[in-house]
Amino acid sequence: MAYDEGLAVRIRELVDDRLDLAEKRMFGGLAFLVNGNLACGVHHDDLMVRLPPDEHGEALAEPGARAFDLTGRPMKGWLVIDAAALAEDDDLRRWVGRSVAFAGSLPPK
């Protein structure tokens, strides 16, 4: 299944000033990496984000959030945010900002 190119464009507009960011096709979608670390991406029509594992439970309680699970074994800190929860630019900006900040805090790969 293709990913939502419109959502990818919205993400690019938020991160286009970062020189340490790259795009890569992953998980049947498009991923955005900071210094080689996955930050966020587009999975089908939804936003995939990576957050610190200790924020996983709190983030799951937010509207539209669910665990990212491709293999039957979800990993802490990996979430999917439903497209409906991203209708407002401020919501997308908040999620992308959180995930890019976390990926940027990790050692480069």
PDB file of N, CA and C in Angstrom:
ATOM      1  N   MET A   1       0.834  -1.182   0.000  1.00  0.00           N
ATOM      2  CA  MET A   1       0.000   0.000   0.000  1.00  0.00           C
ATOM      3  C   MET A   1       0.877   1.244   0.000  1.00  0.00           C
ATOM      4  N   ALA A   2       0.492   2.214  -0.759  1.00  0.00           N
ATOM      5  CA  ALA A   2       1.235   3.474  -0.820  1.00  0.00           C
ATOM      6  C   ALA A   2       1.018   4.273   0.462  1.00  0.00           C
ATOM      7  N   TYR A   3       1.926   5.190   0.703  1.00  0.00           N
ATOM      8  CA  TYR A   3       1.788   6.059   1.870  1.00  0.00           C
ATOM      9  C   TYR A   3       1.193   7.391   1.437  1.00  0.00           C
ATOM     10  N   ASP A   4       0.694   8.143   2.401  1.00  0.00           N
ATOM     11  CA  ASP A   4       0.053   9.432   2.153  1.00  0.00           C
ATOM     12  C   ASP A   4       1.119  10.483   1.834  1.00  0.00           C
ATOM     13  N   GLU A   5       1.245  10.800   0.556  1.00  0.00           N
ATOM     14  CA  GLU A   5       2.246  11.777   0.130  1.00  0.00           C
ATOM     15  C   GLU A   5       1.945  13.162   0.695  1.00  0.00           C
ATOM     16  N   GLY A   6       0.673  13.488   0.880  1.00  0.00           N
ATOM     17  CA  GLY A   6       0.313  14.780   1.465  1.00  0.00           C
ATOM     18  C   GLY A   6       0.854  14.930   2.872  1.00  0.00           C
ATOM     19  N   LEU A   7       0.775  13.858   3.658  1.00  0.00           N
ATOM     20  CA  LEU A   7       1.334  13.895   5.009  1.00  0.00           C
ATOM     21  C   LEU A   7       2.850  14.019   4.944  1.00  0.00           C
ATOM     22  N   ALA A   8       3.479  13.334   3.994  1.00  0.00           N
ATOM     23  CA  ALA A   8       4.930  13.438   3.837  1.00  0.00           C
ATOM     24  C   ALA A   8       5.333  14.880   3.528  1.00  0.00           C
ATOM     25  N   VAL A   9       4.581  15.549   2.688  1.00  0.00           N
ATOM     26  CA  VAL A   9       4.861  16.951   2.358  1.00  0.00           C
ATOM     27  C   VAL A   9       4.738  17.823   3.607  1.00  0.00           C
ATOM     28  N   ARG A  10       3.708  17.598   4.395  1.00  0.00           N
ATOM     29  CA  ARG A  10       3.526  18.383   5.621  1.00  0.00           C
ATOM     30  C   ARG A  10       4.701  18.185   6.571  1.00  0.00           C
ATOM     31  N   ILE A  11       5.210  16.941   6.667  1.00  0.00           N
ATOM     32  CA  ILE A  11       6.364  16.679   7.532  1.00  0.00           C
ATOM     33  C   ILE A  11       7.596  17.377   6.976  1.00  0.00           C
ATOM     34  N   ARG A  12       7.816  17.267   5.667  1.00  0.00           N
ATOM     35  CA  ARG A  12       8.973  17.930   5.051  1.00  0.00           C
ATOM     36  C   ARG A  12       8.973  19.426   5.346  1.00  0.00           C
ATOM     37  N   GLU A  13       7.820  20.046   5.305  1.00  0.00           N
ATOM     38  CA  GLU A  13       7.730  21.481   5.582  1.00  0.00           C
ATOM     39  C   GLU A  13       8.173  21.812   7.006  1.00  0.00           C
ATOM     40  N   LEU A  14       8.000  20.862   7.922  1.00  0.00           N
ATOM     41  CA  LEU A  14       8.394  21.083   9.314  1.00  0.00           C
ATOM     42  C   LEU A  14       9.883  20.867   9.546  1.00  0.00           C
ATOM     43  N   VAL A  15      10.516  20.032   8.729  1.00  0.00           N
ATOM     44  CA  VAL A  15      11.907  19.639   8.993  1.00  0.00           C
ATOM     45  C   VAL A  15      12.874  20.040   7.887  1.00  0.00           C
ATOM     46  N   ASP A  16      12.410  20.797   6.910  1.00  0.00           N
ATOM     47  CA  ASP A  16      13.250  21.082   5.742  1.00  0.00           C
ATOM     48  C   ASP A  16      14.496  21.898   6.048  1.00  0.00           C
ATOM     49  N   ASP A  17      14.578  22.525   7.211  1.00  0.00           N
ATOM     50  CA  ASP A  17      15.752  23.310   7.566  1.00  0.00           C
ATOM     51  C   ASP A  17      16.844  22.486   8.251  1.00  0.00           C
ATOM     52  N   ARG A  18      16.587  21.214   8.469  1.00  0.00           N
ATOM     53  CA  ARG A  18      17.557  20.356   9.168  1.00  0.00           C
ATOM     54  C   ARG A  18      18.518  19.725   8.173  1.00  0.00           C
ATOM     55  N   LEU A  19      19.795  19.974   8.357  1.00  0.00           N
ATOM     56  CA  LEU A  19      20.802  19.392   7.486  1.00  0.00           C
ATOM     57  C   LEU A  19      21.121  17.948   7.858  1.00  0.00           C
ATOM     58  N   ASP A  20      20.748  17.541   9.082  1.00  0.00           N
ATOM     59  CA  ASP A  20      21.058  16.196   9.564  1.00  0.00           C
ATOM     60  C   ASP A  20      19.925  15.212   9.299  1.00  0.00           C
ATOM     61  N   LEU A  21      18.957  15.592   8.477  1.00  0.00           N
ATOM     62  CA  LEU A  21      17.777  14.765   8.240  1.00  0.00           C
ATOM     63  C   LEU A  21      17.838  14.131   6.851  1.00  0.00           C
ATOM     64  N   ALA A  22      17.422  12.868   6.786  1.00  0.00           N
ATOM     65  CA  ALA A  22      17.359  12.140   5.515  1.00  0.00           C
ATOM     66  C   ALA A  22      16.033  11.400   5.436  1.00  0.00           C
ATOM     67  N   GLU A  23      15.612  11.128   4.219  1.00  0.00           N
ATOM     68  CA  GLU A  23      14.403  10.337   3.985  1.00  0.00           C
ATOM     69  C   GLU A  23      14.801   8.968   3.452  1.00  0.00           C
ATOM     70  N   LYS A  24      14.016   7.957   3.838  1.00  0.00           N
ATOM     71  CA  LYS A  24      14.291   6.598   3.383  1.00  0.00           C
ATOM     72  C   LYS A  24      12.988   5.816   3.355  1.00  0.00           C
ATOM     73  N   ARG A  25      12.773   5.053   2.316  1.00  0.00           N
ATOM     74  CA  ARG A  25      11.590   4.184   2.258  1.00  0.00           C
ATOM     75  C   ARG A  25      11.796   3.012   3.215  1.00  0.00           C
ATOM     76  N   MET A  26      10.846   2.862   4.151  1.00  0.00           N
ATOM     77  CA  MET A  26      10.912   1.792   5.159  1.00  0.00           C
ATOM     78  C   MET A  26       9.497   1.407   5.561  1.00  0.00           C
ATOM     79  N   PHE A  27       9.313   0.193   6.015  1.00  0.00           N
ATOM     80  CA  PHE A  27       8.041  -0.268   6.573  1.00  0.00           C
ATOM     81  C   PHE A  27       6.875  -0.063   5.598  1.00  0.00           C
ATOM     82  N   GLY A  28       7.141  -0.072   4.303  1.00  0.00           N
ATOM     83  CA  GLY A  28       6.088   0.170   3.324  1.00  0.00           C
ATOM     84  C   GLY A  28       5.664   1.619   3.272  1.00  0.00           C
ATOM     85  N   GLY A  29       6.473   2.495   3.836  1.00  0.00           N
ATOM     86  CA  GLY A  29       6.159   3.920   3.868  1.00  0.00           C
ATOM     87  C   GLY A  29       7.414   4.739   3.686  1.00  0.00           C
ATOM     88  N   LEU A  30       7.424   5.904   4.273  1.00  0.00           N
ATOM     89  CA  LEU A  30       8.553   6.818   4.173  1.00  0.00           C
ATOM     90  C   LEU A  30       8.994   7.200   5.574  1.00  0.00           C
ATOM     91  N   ALA A  31      10.294   7.059   5.839  1.00  0.00           N
ATOM     92  CA  ALA A  31      10.841   7.384   7.150  1.00  0.00           C
ATOM     93  C   ALA A  31      11.722   8.617   7.063  1.00  0.00           C
ATOM     94  N   PHE A  32      11.759   9.374   8.145  1.00  0.00           N
ATOM     95  CA  PHE A  32      12.633  10.528   8.285  1.00  0.00           C
ATOM     96  C   PHE A  32      13.633  10.194   9.381  1.00  0.00           C
ATOM     97  N   LEU A  33      14.919  10.298   9.052  1.00  0.00           N
ATOM     98  CA  LEU A  33      15.981   9.923   9.970  1.00  0.00           C
ATOM     99  C   LEU A  33      16.834  11.135  10.317  1.00  0.00           C
ATOM    100  N   VAL A  34      17.238  11.221  11.571  1.00  0.00           N
ATOM    101  CA  VAL A  34      18.139  12.268  12.049  1.00  0.00           C
ATOM    102  C   VAL A  34      19.451  11.596  12.405  1.00  0.00           C
ATOM    103  N   ASN A  35      20.515  11.969  11.705  1.00  0.00           N
ATOM    104  CA  ASN A  35      21.831  11.353  11.912  1.00  0.00           C
ATOM    105  C   ASN A  35      21.754   9.830  11.854  1.00  0.00           C
ATOM    106  N   GLY A  36      20.908   9.303  10.987  1.00  0.00           N
ATOM    107  CA  GLY A  36      20.779   7.862  10.812  1.00  0.00           C
ATOM    108  C   GLY A  36      19.800   7.186  11.756  1.00  0.00           C
ATOM    109  N   ASN A  37      19.227   7.925  12.690  1.00  0.00           N
ATOM    110  CA  ASN A  37      18.261   7.371  13.645  1.00  0.00           C
ATOM    111  C   ASN A  37      16.845   7.712  13.209  1.00  0.00           C
ATOM    112  N   LEU A  38      15.980   6.714  13.141  1.00  0.00           N
ATOM    113  CA  LEU A  38      14.611   6.959  12.738  1.00  0.00           C
ATOM    114  C   LEU A  38      13.927   7.892  13.730  1.00  0.00           C
ATOM    115  N   ALA A  39      13.303   8.938  13.194  1.00  0.00           N
ATOM    116  CA  ALA A  39      12.575   9.889  14.027  1.00  0.00           C
ATOM    117  C   ALA A  39      11.082   9.693  13.858  1.00  0.00           C
ATOM    118  N   CYS A  40      10.611   9.760  12.624  1.00  0.00           N
ATOM    119  CA  CYS A  40       9.191   9.643  12.345  1.00  0.00           C
ATOM    120  C   CYS A  40       9.025   9.205  10.895  1.00  0.00           C
ATOM    121  N   GLY A  41       7.785   8.977  10.514  1.00  0.00           N
ATOM    122  CA  GLY A  41       7.546   8.587   9.134  1.00  0.00           C
ATOM    123  C   GLY A  41       6.068   8.504   8.842  1.00  0.00           C
ATOM    124  N   VAL A  42       5.798   8.196   7.596  1.00  0.00           N
ATOM    125  CA  VAL A  42       4.429   8.034   7.139  1.00  0.00           C
ATOM    126  C   VAL A  42       4.207   6.552   6.893  1.00  0.00           C
ATOM    127  N   HIS A  43       3.222   5.991   7.558  1.00  0.00           N
ATOM    128  CA  HIS A  43       2.859   4.586   7.409  1.00  0.00           C
ATOM    129  C   HIS A  43       1.399   4.549   6.998  1.00  0.00           C
ATOM    130  N   HIS A  44       1.165   4.200   5.754  1.00  0.00           N
ATOM    131  CA  HIS A  44      -0.171   4.286   5.150  1.00  0.00           C
ATOM    132  C   HIS A  44      -0.648   5.737   5.229  1.00  0.00           C
ATOM    133  N   ASP A  45      -1.718   6.011   5.964  1.00  0.00           N
ATOM    134  CA  ASP A  45      -2.228   7.380   6.102  1.00  0.00           C
ATOM    135  C   ASP A  45      -1.866   8.000   7.443  1.00  0.00           C
ATOM    136  N   ASP A  46      -1.081   7.302   8.233  1.00  0.00           N
ATOM    137  CA  ASP A  46      -0.814   7.705   9.604  1.00  0.00           C
ATOM    138  C   ASP A  46       0.636   8.128   9.802  1.00  0.00           C
ATOM    139  N   LEU A  47       0.886   8.766  10.925  1.00  0.00           N
ATOM    140  CA  LEU A  47       2.226   9.193  11.311  1.00  0.00           C
ATOM    141  C   LEU A  47       2.818   8.164  12.264  1.00  0.00           C
ATOM    142  N   MET A  48       4.021   7.716  11.966  1.00  0.00           N
ATOM    143  CA  MET A  48       4.760   6.840  12.860  1.00  0.00           C
ATOM    144  C   MET A  48       5.776   7.717  13.587  1.00  0.00           C
ATOM    145  N   VAL A  49       5.848   7.594  14.901  1.00  0.00           N
ATOM    146  CA  VAL A  49       6.798   8.385  15.678  1.00  0.00           C
ATOM    147  C   VAL A  49       7.609   7.499  16.602  1.00  0.00           C
ATOM    148  N   ARG A  50       8.799   7.996  16.919  1.00  0.00           N
ATOM    149  CA  ARG A  50       9.674   7.326  17.879  1.00  0.00           C
ATOM    150  C   ARG A  50       9.928   8.304  19.009  1.00  0.00           C
ATOM    151  N   LEU A  51       9.638   7.852  20.214  1.00  0.00           N
ATOM    152  CA  LEU A  51       9.797   8.682  21.411  1.00  0.00           C
ATOM    153  C   LEU A  51      10.641   7.926  22.431  1.00  0.00           C
ATOM    154  N   PRO A  52      11.108   8.615  23.460  1.00  0.00           N
ATOM    155  CA  PRO A  52      11.823   7.892  24.514  1.00  0.00           C
ATOM    156  C   PRO A  52      10.927   6.798  25.101  1.00  0.00           C
ATOM    157  N   PRO A  53      11.468   5.604  25.318  1.00  0.00           N
ATOM    158  CA  PRO A  53      10.655   4.506  25.841  1.00  0.00           C
ATOM    159  C   PRO A  53       9.897   4.841  27.120  1.00  0.00           C
ATOM    160  N   ASP A  54      10.467   5.698  27.971  1.00  0.00           N
ATOM    161  CA  ASP A  54       9.782   6.032  29.223  1.00  0.00           C
ATOM    162  C   ASP A  54       8.572   6.951  29.015  1.00  0.00           C
ATOM    163  N   GLU A  55       8.387   7.477  27.798  1.00  0.00           N
ATOM    164  CA  GLU A  55       7.218   8.302  27.478  1.00  0.00           C
ATOM    165  C   GLU A  55       6.127   7.498  26.763  1.00  0.00           C
ATOM    166  N   HIS A  56       6.379   6.233  26.525  1.00  0.00           N
ATOM    167  CA  HIS A  56       5.468   5.391  25.739  1.00  0.00           C
ATOM    168  C   HIS A  56       4.053   5.349  26.320  1.00  0.00           C
ATOM    169  N   GLY A  57       3.931   5.008  27.577  1.00  0.00           N
ATOM    170  CA  GLY A  57       2.610   4.872  28.198  1.00  0.00           C
ATOM    171  C   GLY A  57       1.822   6.165  28.189  1.00  0.00           C
ATOM    172  N   GLU A  58       2.471   7.246  28.524  1.00  0.00           N
ATOM    173  CA  GLU A  58       1.815   8.551  28.533  1.00  0.00           C
ATOM    174  C   GLU A  58       1.385   8.951  27.115  1.00  0.00           C
ATOM    175  N   ALA A  59       2.239   8.689  26.148  1.00  0.00           N
ATOM    176  CA  ALA A  59       1.920   9.044  24.758  1.00  0.00           C
ATOM    177  C   ALA A  59       0.762   8.207  24.226  1.00  0.00           C
ATOM    178  N   LEU A  60       0.671   6.948  24.642  1.00  0.00           N
ATOM    179  CA  LEU A  60      -0.435   6.092  24.195  1.00  0.00           C
ATOM    180  C   LEU A  60      -1.791   6.612  24.655  1.00  0.00           C
ATOM    181  N   ALA A  61      -1.805   7.385  25.714  1.00  0.00           N
ATOM    182  CA  ALA A  61      -3.062   7.930  26.239  1.00  0.00           C
ATOM    183  C   ALA A  61      -3.540   9.150  25.445  1.00  0.00           C
ATOM    184  N   GLU A  62      -2.707   9.645  24.538  1.00  0.00           N
ATOM    185  CA  GLU A  62      -3.077  10.828  23.762  1.00  0.00           C
ATOM    186  C   GLU A  62      -4.013  10.438  22.619  1.00  0.00           C
ATOM    187  N   PRO A  63      -4.861  11.363  22.191  1.00  0.00           N
ATOM    188  CA  PRO A  63      -5.833  11.066  21.129  1.00  0.00           C
ATOM    189  C   PRO A  63      -5.168  10.571  19.849  1.00  0.00           C
ATOM    190  N   GLY A  64      -5.679   9.471  19.335  1.00  0.00           N
ATOM    191  CA  GLY A  64      -5.215   8.923  18.064  1.00  0.00           C
ATOM    192  C   GLY A  64      -3.966   8.079  18.131  1.00  0.00           C
ATOM    193  N   ALA A  65      -3.364   7.924  19.303  1.00  0.00           N
ATOM    194  CA  ALA A  65      -2.110   7.181  19.424  1.00  0.00           C
ATOM    195  C   ALA A  65      -2.359   5.704  19.688  1.00  0.00           C
ATOM    196  N   ARG A  66      -1.542   4.873  19.063  1.00  0.00           N
ATOM    197  CA  ARG A  66      -1.562   3.433  19.316  1.00  0.00           C
ATOM    198  C   ARG A  66      -0.145   2.888  19.116  1.00  0.00           C
ATOM    199  N   ALA A  67       0.109   1.720  19.639  1.00  0.00           N
ATOM    200  CA  ALA A  67       1.433   1.108  19.500  1.00  0.00           C
ATOM    201  C   ALA A  67       1.693   0.757  18.035  1.00  0.00           C
ATOM    202  N   PHE A  68       2.914   0.960  17.591  1.00  0.00           N
ATOM    203  CA  PHE A  68       3.334   0.569  16.245  1.00  0.00           C
ATOM    204  C   PHE A  68       3.736  -0.889  16.315  1.00  0.00           C
ATOM    205  N   ASP A  69       3.055  -1.718  15.538  1.00  0.00           N
ATOM    206  CA  ASP A  69       3.261  -3.162  15.636  1.00  0.00           C
ATOM    207  C   ASP A  69       3.165  -3.793  14.249  1.00  0.00           C
ATOM    208  N   LEU A  70       4.303  -4.120  13.668  1.00  0.00           N
ATOM    209  CA  LEU A  70       4.324  -4.811  12.376  1.00  0.00           C
ATOM    210  C   LEU A  70       4.550  -6.306  12.544  1.00  0.00           C
ATOM    211  N   THR A  71       5.116  -6.708  13.687  1.00  0.00           N
ATOM    212  CA  THR A  71       5.562  -8.089  13.857  1.00  0.00           C
ATOM    213  C   THR A  71       4.813  -8.862  14.942  1.00  0.00           C
ATOM    214  N   GLY A  72       3.894  -8.217  15.634  1.00  0.00           N
ATOM    215  CA  GLY A  72       3.229  -8.861  16.762  1.00  0.00           C
ATOM    216  C   GLY A  72       3.960  -8.625  18.070  1.00  0.00           C
ATOM    217  N   ARG A  73       5.060  -7.886  18.016  1.00  0.00           N
ATOM    218  CA  ARG A  73       5.829  -7.565  19.211  1.00  0.00           C
ATOM    219  C   ARG A  73       6.140  -6.065  19.216  1.00  0.00           C
ATOM    220  N   PRO A  74       5.176  -5.243  19.651  1.00  0.00           N
ATOM    221  CA  PRO A  74       5.419  -3.798  19.637  1.00  0.00           C
ATOM    222  C   PRO A  74       6.573  -3.407  20.549  1.00  0.00           C
ATOM    223  N   MET A  75       7.313  -2.382  20.123  1.00  0.00           N
ATOM    224  CA  MET A  75       8.443  -1.896  20.905  1.00  0.00           C
ATOM    225  C   MET A  75       8.052  -0.617  21.628  1.00  0.00           C
ATOM    226  N   LYS A  76       8.516  -0.481  22.852  1.00  0.00           N
ATOM    227  CA  LYS A  76       8.235   0.740  23.611  1.00  0.00           C
ATOM    228  C   LYS A  76       8.859   1.934  22.902  1.00  0.00           C
ATOM    229  N   GLY A  77       8.083   2.996  22.824  1.00  0.00           N
ATOM    230  CA  GLY A  77       8.561   4.220  22.214  1.00  0.00           C
ATOM    231  C   GLY A  77       8.203   4.375  20.750  1.00  0.00           C
ATOM    232  N   TRP A  78       7.664   3.337  20.144  1.00  0.00           N
ATOM    233  CA  TRP A  78       7.269   3.398  18.737  1.00  0.00           C
ATOM    234  C   TRP A  78       5.751   3.443  18.690  1.00  0.00           C
ATOM    235  N   LEU A  79       5.195   4.513  18.121  1.00  0.00           N
ATOM    236  CA  LEU A  79       3.748   4.689  18.075  1.00  0.00           C
ATOM    237  C   LEU A  79       3.285   5.092  16.681  1.00  0.00           C
ATOM    238  N   VAL A  80       2.000   4.916  16.457  1.00  0.00           N
ATOM    239  CA  VAL A  80       1.343   5.389  15.247  1.00  0.00           C
ATOM    240  C   VAL A  80       0.269   6.369  15.699  1.00  0.00           C
ATOM    241  N   ILE A  81       0.207   7.498  15.004  1.00  0.00           N
ATOM    242  CA  ILE A  81      -0.795   8.509  15.302  1.00  0.00           C
ATOM    243  C   ILE A  81      -1.760   8.537  14.121  1.00  0.00           C
ATOM    244  N   ASP A  82      -3.032   8.287  14.397  1.00  0.00           N
ATOM    245  CA  ASP A  82      -4.050   8.263  13.347  1.00  0.00           C
ATOM    246  C   ASP A  82      -4.093   9.582  12.595  1.00  0.00           C
ATOM    247  N   ALA A  83      -4.345   9.483  11.301  1.00  0.00           N
ATOM    248  CA  ALA A  83      -4.434  10.678  10.456  1.00  0.00           C
ATOM    249  C   ALA A  83      -5.455  11.677  10.997  1.00  0.00           C
ATOM    250  N   ALA A  84      -6.562  11.195  11.532  1.00  0.00           N
ATOM    251  CA  ALA A  84      -7.603  12.090  12.046  1.00  0.00           C
ATOM    252  C   ALA A  84      -7.093  12.961  13.198  1.00  0.00           C
ATOM    253  N   ALA A  85      -6.111  12.476  13.946  1.00  0.00           N
ATOM    254  CA  ALA A  85      -5.559  13.238  15.069  1.00  0.00           C
ATOM    255  C   ALA A  85      -4.514  14.248  14.609  1.00  0.00           C
ATOM    256  N   LEU A  86      -4.262  14.307  13.295  1.00  0.00           N
ATOM    257  CA  LEU A  86      -3.235  15.191  12.755  1.00  0.00           C
ATOM    258  C   LEU A  86      -3.812  16.268  11.842  1.00  0.00           C
ATOM    259  N   ALA A  87      -5.121  16.447  11.890  1.00  0.00           N
ATOM    260  CA  ALA A  87      -5.773  17.412  11.004  1.00  0.00           C
ATOM    261  C   ALA A  87      -5.248  18.827  11.242  1.00  0.00           C
ATOM    262  N   GLU A  88      -4.949  19.142  12.473  1.00  0.00           N
ATOM    263  CA  GLU A  88      -4.420  20.471  12.815  1.00  0.00           C
ATOM    264  C   GLU A  88      -2.896  20.463  12.693  1.00  0.00           C
ATOM    265  N   ASP A  89      -2.348  21.492  12.059  1.00  0.00           N
ATOM    266  CA  ASP A  89      -0.905  21.576  11.888  1.00  0.00           C
ATOM    267  C   ASP A  89      -0.165  21.575  13.218  1.00  0.00           C
ATOM    268  N   ASP A  90      -0.742  22.187  14.248  1.00  0.00           N
ATOM    269  CA  ASP A  90      -0.090  22.219  15.555  1.00  0.00           C
ATOM    270  C   ASP A  90       0.080  20.817  16.134  1.00  0.00           C
ATOM    271  N   ASP A  91      -0.897  19.938  15.900  1.00  0.00           N
ATOM    272  CA  ASP A  91      -0.782  18.564  16.400  1.00  0.00           C
ATOM    273  C   ASP A  91       0.339  17.828  15.686  1.00  0.00           C
ATOM    274  N   LEU A  92       0.404  17.961  14.367  1.00  0.00           N
ATOM    275  CA  LEU A  92       1.485  17.324  13.615  1.00  0.00           C
ATOM    276  C   LEU A  92       2.828  17.899  14.048  1.00  0.00           C
ATOM    277  N   ARG A  93       2.919  19.192  14.179  1.00  0.00           N
ATOM    278  CA  ARG A  93       4.165  19.848  14.594  1.00  0.00           C
ATOM    279  C   ARG A  93       4.635  19.324  15.958  1.00  0.00           C
ATOM    280  N   ARG A  94       3.707  19.147  16.867  1.00  0.00           N
ATOM    281  CA  ARG A  94       4.062  18.652  18.210  1.00  0.00           C
ATOM    282  C   ARG A  94       4.633  17.242  18.152  1.00  0.00           C
ATOM    283  N   TRP A  95       3.950  16.343  17.428  1.00  0.00           N
ATOM    284  CA  TRP A  95       4.420  14.955  17.337  1.00  0.00           C
ATOM    285  C   TRP A  95       5.757  14.870  16.606  1.00  0.00           C
ATOM    286  N   VAL A  96       5.869  15.537  15.485  1.00  0.00           N
ATOM    287  CA  VAL A  96       7.117  15.504  14.716  1.00  0.00           C
ATOM    288  C   VAL A  96       8.247  16.131  15.537  1.00  0.00           C
ATOM    289  N   GLY A  97       7.972  17.222  16.196  1.00  0.00           N
ATOM    290  CA  GLY A  97       8.992  17.863  17.017  1.00  0.00           C
ATOM    291  C   GLY A  97       9.510  16.953  18.114  1.00  0.00           C
ATOM    292  N   ARG A  98       8.596  16.257  18.770  1.00  0.00           N
ATOM    293  CA  ARG A  98       9.002  15.334  19.841  1.00  0.00           C
ATOM    294  C   ARG A  98       9.878  14.217  19.296  1.00  0.00           C
ATOM    295  N   SER A  99       9.476  13.647  18.164  1.00  0.00           N
ATOM    296  CA  SER A  99      10.220  12.502  17.626  1.00  0.00           C
ATOM    297  C   SER A  99      11.569  12.930  17.046  1.00  0.00           C
ATOM    298  N   VAL A 100      11.618  14.084  16.393  1.00  0.00           N
ATOM    299  CA  VAL A 100      12.889  14.573  15.848  1.00  0.00           C
ATOM    300  C   VAL A 100      13.835  14.927  16.992  1.00  0.00           C
ATOM    301  N   ALA A 101      13.328  15.527  18.050  1.00  0.00           N
ATOM    302  CA  ALA A 101      14.183  15.854  19.206  1.00  0.00           C
ATOM    303  C   ALA A 101      14.767  14.590  19.818  1.00  0.00           C
ATOM    304  N   PHE A 102      13.945  13.535  19.942  1.00  0.00           N
ATOM    305  CA  PHE A 102      14.460  12.297  20.531  1.00  0.00           C
ATOM    306  C   PHE A 102      15.517  11.678  19.622  1.00  0.00           C
ATOM    307  N   ALA A 103      15.237  11.564  18.337  1.00  0.00           N
ATOM    308  CA  ALA A 103      16.212  10.966  17.414  1.00  0.00           C
ATOM    309  C   ALA A 103      17.502  11.777  17.397  1.00  0.00           C
ATOM    310  N   GLY A 104      17.390  13.097  17.512  1.00  0.00           N
ATOM    311  CA  GLY A 104      18.572  13.944  17.538  1.00  0.00           C
ATOM    312  C   GLY A 104      19.395  13.806  18.801  1.00  0.00           C
ATOM    313  N   SER A 105      18.794  13.262  19.856  1.00  0.00           N
ATOM    314  CA  SER A 105      19.522  13.063  21.118  1.00  0.00           C
ATOM    315  C   SER A 105      20.314  11.758  21.135  1.00  0.00           C
ATOM    316  N   LEU A 106      20.092  10.914  20.144  1.00  0.00           N
ATOM    317  CA  LEU A 106      20.763   9.616  20.080  1.00  0.00           C
ATOM    318  C   LEU A 106      22.115   9.751  19.382  1.00  0.00           C
ATOM    319  N   PRO A 107      23.063   8.845  19.673  1.00  0.00           N
ATOM    320  CA  PRO A 107      24.349   8.893  18.980  1.00  0.00           C
ATOM    321  C   PRO A 107      24.139   8.658  17.475  1.00  0.00           C
ATOM    322  N   PRO A 108      24.883   9.381  16.647  1.00  0.00           N
ATOM    323  CA  PRO A 108      24.751   9.177  15.191  1.00  0.00           C
ATOM    324  C   PRO A 108      25.099   7.744  14.789  1.00  0.00           C
ATOM    325  N   LYS A 109      24.440   7.302  13.731  1.00  0.00           N
ATOM    326  CA  LYS A 109      24.734   5.949  13.197  1.00  0.00           C
ATOM    327  C   LYS A 109      25.578   6.080  11.962  1.00  0.00           C
TER     328      LYS A 109
END
